[in-house]
Amino acid sequence: MNEGLRLAELLAMRLCHDLSGPLGTLMGSIDMVNEDPEVATEALALATEVSVSLAKRLRFLRAAWGGPTAALSTDELREIAQGLPQGRRVAVCFDNLSTAGAFPPPAARVMLNLLLLAAESLPGGGVVTVAGDPSRDVTVSIAGPRAAWPTRLAAFMVDEAAAWAALADEGSETSRAMQGPLTALIARDSGMHLGFLMAARQESAPPLILSPAA
C-alpha cells in the first residue's frame, strides 16, 4: 500500500476510535433526556460535560495532526493539552517549562504529538512532565506504574525509512501503534531534533529531548 494512503487510513481509524467513545456517551445522554424526564437534569449536565470534552479533544487532535497556524505559548500549550484523550488517567505537569518564550509553529506541532505519545506510553496512568525553554531545548518525561516508550522509538528517531516501514506495516498493532513513528517523522519534517536524554542513573523510561536541529 502507498505510504501516504496507509497513513491516511491509520489517522482515520484513530480519529474514529478517539471520538466514538465521547460521541456514544453524548448520544446516550440525549436519549435519556427524551425517554425519561425524571433524569433530564442529570442527563443534560452529562451531555454538556461530554460536549466540552469532545470539543477540547477535537482541538487537540486538529492542532497535533493538522498543524497549529501560530506559535504557542506555555499557557496555550497547557490549555490545548486538556484535550488529551487519556486526560482522566494522565496528568501533564508544565511547572518547569519556561513561560518567557513560545513554541514556533513547527515545534508546537511536535510538542503536541510528543504529549500524545507520552500519554499513550502510560497504559497504567501517570504523569507527563514537560520542562525547559520553548525557544531552545525541552524535555518530556513519563512516570507511572507501566511507563515505557515504544520499543522501536529510538530506531524511528534516527531512521526515516524505519518509521515509514512501521506505518506501512498492515500487520502492526492497530492504529495506536502509529504515534511513535508519526512523531519521529513530524519532528524530522519540522526541522527539529528528537532523542533520548541519557543520565548517569539509567531510567526505565529516559526523558525525550526536543531541540532545534543543528
C-alpha atoms as a PDB file:
ATOM      1  CA  MET A   1       0.000   0.000   0.000  1.00  0.00           C
ATOM      2  CA  ASN A   2       1.164   3.555  -0.752  1.00  0.00           C
ATOM      3  CA  GLU A   3       2.741   5.109   2.361  1.00  0.00           C
ATOM      4  CA  GLY A   4       0.628   8.248   2.239  1.00  0.00           C
ATOM      5  CA  LEU A   5      -2.571   6.257   1.754  1.00  0.00           C
ATOM      6  CA  ARG A   6      -1.686   3.967   4.660  1.00  0.00           C
ATOM      7  CA  LEU A   7      -1.056   6.958   6.925  1.00  0.00           C
ATOM      8  CA  ALA A   8      -4.400   8.487   5.938  1.00  0.00           C
ATOM      9  CA  GLU A   9      -6.074   5.164   6.734  1.00  0.00           C
ATOM     10  CA  LEU A  10      -4.419   4.991  10.162  1.00  0.00           C
ATOM     11  CA  LEU A  11      -5.357   8.579  11.002  1.00  0.00           C
ATOM     12  CA  ALA A  12      -8.974   7.962  10.002  1.00  0.00           C
ATOM     13  CA  MET A  13      -9.105   4.803  12.130  1.00  0.00           C
ATOM     14  CA  ARG A  14      -7.551   6.621  15.056  1.00  0.00           C
ATOM     15  CA  LEU A  15      -9.957   9.561  14.832  1.00  0.00           C
ATOM     16  CA  CYS A  16     -12.930   7.207  14.777  1.00  0.00           C
ATOM     17  CA  HIS A  17     -11.554   5.375  17.827  1.00  0.00           C
ATOM     18  CA  ASP A  18     -10.839   8.527  19.846  1.00  0.00           C
ATOM     19  CA  LEU A  19     -14.152  10.222  19.077  1.00  0.00           C
ATOM     20  CA  SER A  20     -16.536   7.260  19.185  1.00  0.00           C
ATOM     21  CA  GLY A  21     -16.497   6.971  22.990  1.00  0.00           C
ATOM     22  CA  PRO A  22     -17.476  10.587  23.777  1.00  0.00           C
ATOM     23  CA  LEU A  23     -19.993  10.631  20.918  1.00  0.00           C
ATOM     24  CA  GLY A  24     -21.616   7.452  22.216  1.00  0.00           C
ATOM     25  CA  THR A  25     -21.914   8.951  25.702  1.00  0.00           C
ATOM     26  CA  LEU A  26     -23.352  12.175  24.275  1.00  0.00           C
ATOM     27  CA  MET A  27     -25.965  10.337  22.234  1.00  0.00           C
ATOM     28  CA  GLY A  28     -26.887   8.178  25.219  1.00  0.00           C
ATOM     29  CA  SER A  29     -27.375  11.272  27.390  1.00  0.00           C
ATOM     30  CA  ILE A  30     -29.651  12.882  24.802  1.00  0.00           C
ATOM     31  CA  ASP A  31     -31.677   9.660  24.545  1.00  0.00           C
ATOM     32  CA  MET A  32     -32.129   9.669  28.338  1.00  0.00           C
ATOM     33  CA  VAL A  33     -33.470  13.238  28.207  1.00  0.00           C
ATOM     34  CA  ASN A  34     -36.063  12.220  25.624  1.00  0.00           C
ATOM     35  CA  GLU A  35     -37.048   8.948  27.271  1.00  0.00           C
ATOM     36  CA  ASP A  36     -37.057   9.754  30.986  1.00  0.00           C
ATOM     37  CA  PRO A  37     -37.905  13.336  32.040  1.00  0.00           C
ATOM     38  CA  GLU A  38     -37.069  12.493  35.662  1.00  0.00           C
ATOM     39  CA  VAL A  39     -33.348  12.254  34.860  1.00  0.00           C
ATOM     40  CA  ALA A  40     -33.331  15.056  32.314  1.00  0.00           C
ATOM     41  CA  THR A  41     -31.363  17.457  34.528  1.00  0.00           C
ATOM     42  CA  GLU A  42     -28.587  14.955  35.230  1.00  0.00           C
ATOM     43  CA  ALA A  43     -28.530  13.764  31.620  1.00  0.00           C
ATOM     44  CA  LEU A  44     -28.242  17.309  30.283  1.00  0.00           C
ATOM     45  CA  ALA A  45     -25.393  18.041  32.692  1.00  0.00           C
ATOM     46  CA  LEU A  46     -23.571  14.941  31.457  1.00  0.00           C
ATOM     47  CA  ALA A  47     -24.245  15.873  27.831  1.00  0.00           C
ATOM     48  CA  THR A  48     -22.798  19.339  28.435  1.00  0.00           C
ATOM     49  CA  GLU A  49     -19.688  17.913  30.107  1.00  0.00           C
ATOM     50  CA  VAL A  50     -19.106  15.446  27.280  1.00  0.00           C
ATOM     51  CA  SER A  51     -19.650  18.142  24.640  1.00  0.00           C
ATOM     52  CA  VAL A  52     -16.971  20.332  26.223  1.00  0.00           C
ATOM     53  CA  SER A  53     -14.601  17.356  26.470  1.00  0.00           C
ATOM     54  CA  LEU A  54     -15.227  16.437  22.843  1.00  0.00           C
ATOM     55  CA  ALA A  55     -14.552  19.997  21.671  1.00  0.00           C
ATOM     56  CA  LYS A  56     -11.244  20.021  23.572  1.00  0.00           C
ATOM     57  CA  ARG A  57     -10.254  16.675  22.095  1.00  0.00           C
ATOM     58  CA  LEU A  58     -11.025  17.828  18.562  1.00  0.00           C
ATOM     59  CA  ARG A  59      -8.983  20.982  19.112  1.00  0.00           C
ATOM     60  CA  PHE A  60      -6.029  18.959  20.349  1.00  0.00           C
ATOM     61  CA  LEU A  61      -6.084  16.418  17.506  1.00  0.00           C
ATOM     62  CA  ARG A  62      -6.528  19.125  14.873  1.00  0.00           C
ATOM     63  CA  ALA A  63      -3.519  21.035  16.212  1.00  0.00           C
ATOM     64  CA  ALA A  64      -1.389  17.879  16.534  1.00  0.00           C
ATOM     65  CA  TRP A  65      -2.164  16.344  13.160  1.00  0.00           C
ATOM     66  CA  GLY A  66      -3.254  19.356  11.138  1.00  0.00           C
ATOM     67  CA  GLY A  67      -0.521  21.632  12.468  1.00  0.00           C
ATOM     68  CA  PRO A  68      -1.015  24.830  14.509  1.00  0.00           C
ATOM     69  CA  THR A  69      -1.169  28.032  12.478  1.00  0.00           C
ATOM     70  CA  ALA A  70       0.687  30.172  15.011  1.00  0.00           C
ATOM     71  CA  ALA A  71       3.261  29.941  17.780  1.00  0.00           C
ATOM     72  CA  LEU A  72       2.045  28.525  21.104  1.00  0.00           C
ATOM     73  CA  SER A  73       2.887  29.989  24.485  1.00  0.00           C
ATOM     74  CA  THR A  74       3.242  27.738  27.522  1.00  0.00           C
ATOM     75  CA  ASP A  75      -0.233  28.748  28.678  1.00  0.00           C
ATOM     76  CA  GLU A  76      -1.736  27.982  25.259  1.00  0.00           C
ATOM     77  CA  LEU A  77       0.010  24.604  25.182  1.00  0.00           C
ATOM     78  CA  ARG A  78      -1.334  23.861  28.658  1.00  0.00           C
ATOM     79  CA  GLU A  79      -4.850  24.752  27.528  1.00  0.00           C
ATOM     80  CA  ILE A  80      -4.741  22.631  24.370  1.00  0.00           C
ATOM     81  CA  ALA A  81      -3.285  19.706  26.351  1.00  0.00           C
ATOM     82  CA  GLN A  82      -6.599  19.477  28.218  1.00  0.00           C
ATOM     83  CA  GLY A  83      -7.868  17.658  25.143  1.00  0.00           C
ATOM     84  CA  LEU A  84      -5.526  14.671  25.516  1.00  0.00           C
ATOM     85  CA  PRO A  85      -7.621  11.500  25.011  1.00  0.00           C
ATOM     86  CA  GLN A  86      -6.098   9.946  28.170  1.00  0.00           C
ATOM     87  CA  GLY A  87      -6.754  13.095  30.195  1.00  0.00           C
ATOM     88  CA  ARG A  88      -8.538  11.391  33.093  1.00  0.00           C
ATOM     89  CA  ARG A  89      -5.712   8.919  33.757  1.00  0.00           C
ATOM     90  CA  VAL A  90      -2.714  11.015  32.795  1.00  0.00           C
ATOM     91  CA  ALA A  91      -1.698  14.345  34.320  1.00  0.00           C
ATOM     92  CA  VAL A  92       0.590  16.760  32.495  1.00  0.00           C
ATOM     93  CA  CYS A  93       2.918  18.999  34.524  1.00  0.00           C
ATOM     94  CA  PHE A  94       4.234  22.207  32.945  1.00  0.00           C
ATOM     95  CA  ASP A  95       5.596  23.719  36.165  1.00  0.00           C
ATOM     96  CA  ASN A  96       9.215  23.536  34.954  1.00  0.00           C
ATOM     97  CA  LEU A  97       8.527  24.868  31.459  1.00  0.00           C
ATOM     98  CA  SER A  98       9.589  28.482  30.979  1.00  0.00           C
ATOM     99  CA  THR A  99       6.791  30.938  30.228  1.00  0.00           C
ATOM    100  CA  ALA A 100       9.184  33.510  28.766  1.00  0.00           C
ATOM    101  CA  GLY A 101       9.203  32.171  25.222  1.00  0.00           C
ATOM    102  CA  ALA A 102       6.840  30.437  22.825  1.00  0.00           C
ATOM    103  CA  PHE A 103       6.958  27.357  20.617  1.00  0.00           C
ATOM    104  CA  PRO A 104       7.278  28.249  16.909  1.00  0.00           C
ATOM    105  CA  PRO A 105       4.578  26.503  14.822  1.00  0.00           C
ATOM    106  CA  PRO A 106       6.776  23.517  13.784  1.00  0.00           C
ATOM    107  CA  ALA A 107       7.981  22.916  17.353  1.00  0.00           C
ATOM    108  CA  ALA A 108       4.458  23.348  18.731  1.00  0.00           C
ATOM    109  CA  ARG A 109       3.185  20.603  16.439  1.00  0.00           C
ATOM    110  CA  VAL A 110       5.964  18.246  17.511  1.00  0.00           C
ATOM    111  CA  MET A 111       5.270  19.022  21.189  1.00  0.00           C
ATOM    112  CA  LEU A 112       1.593  18.147  20.857  1.00  0.00           C
ATOM    113  CA  ASN A 113       2.482  14.828  19.236  1.00  0.00           C
ATOM    114  CA  LEU A 114       5.047  14.207  21.977  1.00  0.00           C
ATOM    115  CA  LEU A 115       2.349  14.771  24.608  1.00  0.00           C
ATOM    116  CA  LEU A 116       0.089  12.289  22.838  1.00  0.00           C
ATOM    117  CA  LEU A 117       2.927   9.761  22.588  1.00  0.00           C
ATOM    118  CA  ALA A 118       3.815  10.275  26.265  1.00  0.00           C
ATOM    119  CA  ALA A 119       0.224   9.775  27.379  1.00  0.00           C
ATOM    120  CA  GLU A 120      -0.002   6.567  25.339  1.00  0.00           C
ATOM    121  CA  SER A 121       3.240   5.382  26.951  1.00  0.00           C
ATOM    122  CA  LEU A 122       1.495   5.380  30.351  1.00  0.00           C
ATOM    123  CA  PRO A 123      -1.016   2.498  29.998  1.00  0.00           C
ATOM    124  CA  GLY A 124      -1.405   2.365  33.766  1.00  0.00           C
ATOM    125  CA  GLY A 125      -1.766   6.123  34.123  1.00  0.00           C
ATOM    126  CA  GLY A 126       0.824   8.518  35.493  1.00  0.00           C
ATOM    127  CA  VAL A 127       2.416  11.902  34.971  1.00  0.00           C
ATOM    128  CA  VAL A 128       3.962  13.562  31.932  1.00  0.00           C
ATOM    129  CA  THR A 129       6.457  16.296  32.866  1.00  0.00           C
ATOM    130  CA  VAL A 130       7.485  18.968  30.372  1.00  0.00           C
ATOM    131  CA  ALA A 131      10.497  21.131  31.260  1.00  0.00           C
ATOM    132  CA  GLY A 132      12.894  23.550  29.602  1.00  0.00           C
ATOM    133  CA  ASP A 133      12.693  26.572  27.323  1.00  0.00           C
ATOM    134  CA  PRO A 134      10.239  26.592  24.372  1.00  0.00           C
ATOM    135  CA  SER A 135      12.735  28.553  22.286  1.00  0.00           C
ATOM    136  CA  ARG A 136      15.568  26.101  22.977  1.00  0.00           C
ATOM    137  CA  ASP A 137      15.606  22.570  24.444  1.00  0.00           C
ATOM    138  CA  VAL A 138      12.567  20.922  26.021  1.00  0.00           C
ATOM    139  CA  THR A 139      12.412  17.564  27.791  1.00  0.00           C
ATOM    140  CA  VAL A 140       9.395  15.284  28.121  1.00  0.00           C
ATOM    141  CA  SER A 141       9.450  12.681  30.912  1.00  0.00           C
ATOM    142  CA  ILE A 142       6.956   9.986  31.849  1.00  0.00           C
ATOM    143  CA  ALA A 143       6.415   8.338  35.223  1.00  0.00           C
ATOM    144  CA  GLY A 144       3.853   5.724  36.137  1.00  0.00           C
ATOM    145  CA  PRO A 145       3.270   2.055  37.017  1.00  0.00           C
ATOM    146  CA  ARG A 146       3.998   0.803  33.474  1.00  0.00           C
ATOM    147  CA  ALA A 147       5.756   3.791  31.948  1.00  0.00           C
ATOM    148  CA  ALA A 148       7.629   2.789  28.780  1.00  0.00           C
ATOM    149  CA  TRP A 149       8.279   4.426  25.432  1.00  0.00           C
ATOM    150  CA  PRO A 150       7.551   2.288  22.326  1.00  0.00           C
ATOM    151  CA  THR A 151      10.270  -0.326  21.913  1.00  0.00           C
ATOM    152  CA  ARG A 152      11.381   0.855  18.452  1.00  0.00           C
ATOM    153  CA  LEU A 153      11.149   4.592  19.102  1.00  0.00           C
ATOM    154  CA  ALA A 154      14.946   5.058  19.075  1.00  0.00           C
ATOM    155  CA  ALA A 155      15.105   3.492  15.596  1.00  0.00           C
ATOM    156  CA  PHE A 156      12.291   5.704  14.317  1.00  0.00           C
ATOM    157  CA  MET A 157      14.090   8.837  15.515  1.00  0.00           C
ATOM    158  CA  VAL A 158      17.287   8.096  13.595  1.00  0.00           C
ATOM    159  CA  ASP A 159      15.963   6.185  10.587  1.00  0.00           C
ATOM    160  CA  GLU A 160      13.203   7.735   8.488  1.00  0.00           C
ATOM    161  CA  ALA A 161      12.832   4.551   6.452  1.00  0.00           C
ATOM    162  CA  ALA A 162      12.179   2.532   9.616  1.00  0.00           C
ATOM    163  CA  ALA A 163       9.444   4.945  10.657  1.00  0.00           C
ATOM    164  CA  TRP A 164       7.725   4.764   7.272  1.00  0.00           C
ATOM    165  CA  ALA A 165       8.063   0.985   7.232  1.00  0.00           C
ATOM    166  CA  ALA A 166       6.343   0.773  10.621  1.00  0.00           C
ATOM    167  CA  LEU A 167       3.451   2.898   9.374  1.00  0.00           C
ATOM    168  CA  ALA A 168       3.160   0.812   6.204  1.00  0.00           C
ATOM    169  CA  ASP A 169       3.057  -2.461   8.153  1.00  0.00           C
ATOM    170  CA  GLU A 170      -0.548  -3.598   7.745  1.00  0.00           C
ATOM    171  CA  GLY A 171       0.032  -6.291  10.340  1.00  0.00           C
ATOM    172  CA  SER A 172       1.022  -3.823  13.073  1.00  0.00           C
ATOM    173  CA  GLU A 173      -0.953  -3.424  16.285  1.00  0.00           C
ATOM    174  CA  THR A 174      -3.952  -1.286  15.262  1.00  0.00           C
ATOM    175  CA  SER A 175      -3.807   2.448  14.675  1.00  0.00           C
ATOM    176  CA  ARG A 176      -2.421   3.125  18.171  1.00  0.00           C
ATOM    177  CA  ALA A 177       0.982   1.850  17.045  1.00  0.00           C
ATOM    178  CA  MET A 178       1.295   4.775  14.651  1.00  0.00           C
ATOM    179  CA  GLN A 179       2.088   7.525  17.170  1.00  0.00           C
ATOM    180  CA  GLY A 180       5.754   6.594  17.684  1.00  0.00           C
ATOM    181  CA  PRO A 181       6.814   6.621  14.021  1.00  0.00           C
ATOM    182  CA  LEU A 182       4.469   9.517  13.242  1.00  0.00           C
ATOM    183  CA  THR A 183       6.009  11.707  15.968  1.00  0.00           C
ATOM    184  CA  ALA A 184       9.518  10.913  14.727  1.00  0.00           C
ATOM    185  CA  LEU A 185       8.560  11.792  11.142  1.00  0.00           C
ATOM    186  CA  ILE A 186       6.860  15.047  12.148  1.00  0.00           C
ATOM    187  CA  ALA A 187       9.931  16.071  14.158  1.00  0.00           C
ATOM    188  CA  ARG A 188      12.203  15.369  11.196  1.00  0.00           C
ATOM    189  CA  ASP A 189       9.916  17.225   8.771  1.00  0.00           C
ATOM    190  CA  SER A 190       9.698  20.184  11.179  1.00  0.00           C
ATOM    191  CA  GLY A 191      13.469  20.556  11.327  1.00  0.00           C
ATOM    192  CA  MET A 192      13.623  19.514  14.981  1.00  0.00           C
ATOM    193  CA  HIS A 193      15.969  17.035  16.642  1.00  0.00           C
ATOM    194  CA  LEU A 194      14.370  14.384  18.842  1.00  0.00           C
ATOM    195  CA  GLY A 195      16.374  11.997  21.012  1.00  0.00           C
ATOM    196  CA  PHE A 196      16.738  10.362  24.400  1.00  0.00           C
ATOM    197  CA  LEU A 197      18.407  12.254  27.224  1.00  0.00           C
ATOM    198  CA  MET A 198      20.709   9.749  28.892  1.00  0.00           C
ATOM    199  CA  ALA A 199      21.629  10.280  32.533  1.00  0.00           C
ATOM    200  CA  ALA A 200      24.181   8.725  34.872  1.00  0.00           C
ATOM    201  CA  ARG A 201      21.379   6.835  36.553  1.00  0.00           C
ATOM    202  CA  GLN A 202      19.601   4.797  33.905  1.00  0.00           C
ATOM    203  CA  GLU A 203      15.840   5.203  33.999  1.00  0.00           C
ATOM    204  CA  SER A 204      13.278   2.712  32.755  1.00  0.00           C
ATOM    205  CA  ALA A 205      11.833   5.465  30.558  1.00  0.00           C
ATOM    206  CA  PRO A 206      14.528   8.106  29.934  1.00  0.00           C
ATOM    207  CA  PRO A 207      13.327  11.623  29.076  1.00  0.00           C
ATOM    208  CA  LEU A 208      12.950  12.634  25.478  1.00  0.00           C
ATOM    209  CA  ILE A 209      14.621  15.892  24.455  1.00  0.00           C
ATOM    210  CA  LEU A 210      13.358  18.115  21.672  1.00  0.00           C
ATOM    211  CA  SER A 211      15.725  20.738  20.301  1.00  0.00           C
ATOM    212  CA  PRO A 212      16.199  22.783  17.127  1.00  0.00           C
ATOM    213  CA  ALA A 213      18.238  20.924  14.533  1.00  0.00           C
ATOM    214  CA  ALA A 214      21.876  21.991  14.422  1.00  0.00           C
END
